[in-house]
Amino acid sequence: GRGGAGAAARARRRGRGTMGLSLWSILVSGLLCLNALAILHEERFLAKYNLHVLDHQASEQGNIKAQIAGLLHAVRYLRMPLIAMNGLVILVTLLFG
């Protein structure tokens, strides 16, 4: 075909020809999910589904609702390290693309 090899070489030079599943993209995806959990408003959203109260006994018995409430509580507790990780990801993305 016309320009087949040249087009492939141009795509490689740009470095953005394909989108791969790398360890970095998995880590950034996980960070975005943690951000989504961290911004859930306790009174407006969590109280509606009764997830605002942390029940340690129900969590130990395997109650899925109590385990989700525990996860949400842990993510809210680690909000400052989450902000630091976001800053680090932004810095690395700005430096290395």
Protein backbone atom coordinates (compact mmCIF):
# COMPACT_ATOMS: atom_id res chain seq x y z
CA GLY A 1 0.00 0.00 0.00
CA ARG A 2 0.85 3.59 -0.41
CA GLY A 3 2.82 5.00 2.54
CA GLY A 4 2.22 1.99 4.80
CA ALA A 5 5.71 1.79 6.24
CA GLY A 6 6.01 5.57 6.49
CA ALA A 7 2.73 5.87 8.39
CA ALA A 8 3.80 3.21 10.89
CA ALA A 9 7.13 4.96 11.44
CA ARG A 10 5.39 8.30 12.00
CA ALA A 11 3.06 6.68 14.57
CA ARG A 12 6.05 5.21 16.43
CA ARG A 13 7.84 8.57 16.46
CA ARG A 14 4.83 10.30 17.96
CA GLY A 15 4.69 7.69 20.71
CA ARG A 16 0.93 8.03 21.08
CA GLY A 17 -0.14 5.57 18.39
CA THR A 18 -1.53 2.96 20.78
CA MET A 19 -2.93 2.96 24.24
CA GLY A 20 -1.58 0.12 26.36
CA LEU A 21 -2.52 -1.39 29.67
CA SER A 22 0.51 -0.65 31.80
CA LEU A 23 1.14 -0.78 35.51
CA TRP A 24 1.06 3.03 35.57
CA SER A 25 -2.38 3.19 33.95
CA ILE A 26 -3.71 0.59 36.42
CA LEU A 27 -2.35 2.63 39.36
CA VAL A 28 -3.86 5.85 38.01
CA SER A 29 -7.21 4.08 37.49
CA GLY A 30 -7.16 2.86 41.07
CA LEU A 31 -6.36 6.35 42.29
CA LEU A 32 -9.30 7.75 40.31
CA CYS A 33 -11.62 5.16 41.90
CA LEU A 34 -10.36 6.10 45.38
CA ASN A 35 -11.00 9.76 44.53
CA ALA A 36 -14.55 8.87 43.56
CA LEU A 37 -15.11 7.13 46.90
CA ALA A 38 -13.50 9.97 48.86
CA ILE A 39 -15.85 12.65 47.55
CA LEU A 40 -19.09 10.89 48.49
CA HIS A 41 -20.96 13.23 50.80
CA GLU A 42 -21.83 11.61 54.11
CA GLU A 43 -25.17 13.29 54.81
CA ARG A 44 -26.48 13.53 51.25
CA PHE A 45 -25.47 10.21 49.75
CA LEU A 46 -24.26 7.75 52.37
CA ALA A 47 -27.07 8.34 54.87
CA LYS A 48 -29.62 7.52 52.18
CA TYR A 49 -28.19 3.97 51.93
CA ASN A 50 -27.36 3.72 55.65
CA LEU A 51 -23.63 3.59 54.94
CA HIS A 52 -22.65 6.49 57.17
CA VAL A 53 -22.48 4.42 60.37
CA LEU A 54 -19.54 2.09 60.87
CA ASP A 55 -20.62 -1.12 62.65
CA HIS A 56 -17.57 -3.19 63.62
CA GLN A 57 -19.57 -6.24 64.73
CA ALA A 58 -21.47 -6.52 61.46
CA SER A 59 -18.26 -5.99 59.52
CA GLU A 60 -16.57 -8.90 61.30
CA GLN A 61 -19.54 -11.16 60.58
CA GLY A 62 -19.14 -10.59 56.84
CA ASN A 63 -22.03 -8.17 56.29
CA ILE A 64 -21.25 -6.65 52.88
CA LYS A 65 -22.98 -3.37 53.68
CA ALA A 66 -20.87 -2.92 56.81
CA GLN A 67 -17.71 -3.78 54.86
CA ILE A 68 -18.55 -1.14 52.24
CA ALA A 69 -19.17 1.38 55.01
CA GLY A 70 -15.78 0.47 56.50
CA LEU A 71 -14.07 0.95 53.14
CA LEU A 72 -15.69 4.35 52.66
CA HIS A 73 -14.69 5.36 56.18
CA ALA A 74 -11.07 4.28 55.54
CA VAL A 75 -10.91 6.24 52.29
CA ARG A 76 -12.25 9.36 54.00
CA TYR A 77 -9.74 8.88 56.83
CA LEU A 78 -6.83 8.75 54.33
CA ARG A 79 -7.87 11.90 52.49
CA MET A 80 -4.57 13.77 53.01
CA PRO A 81 -2.35 10.95 51.64
CA LEU A 82 -4.81 10.70 48.75
CA ILE A 83 -4.26 14.40 47.99
CA ALA A 84 -0.49 13.84 48.09
CA MET A 85 -0.78 10.87 45.69
CA ASN A 86 -2.87 12.98 43.31
CA GLY A 87 -0.18 15.67 43.37
CA LEU A 88 2.51 13.08 42.67
CA VAL A 89 0.56 11.65 39.72
CA ILE A 90 0.04 15.15 38.30
CA LEU A 91 3.75 15.92 38.66
CA VAL A 92 4.85 12.66 37.03
CA THR A 93 2.36 13.14 34.20
CA LEU A 94 3.59 16.68 33.58
CA LEU A 95 7.24 15.62 33.59
CA PHE A 96 7.06 12.39 31.62
CA GLY A 97 3.84 12.71 29.62
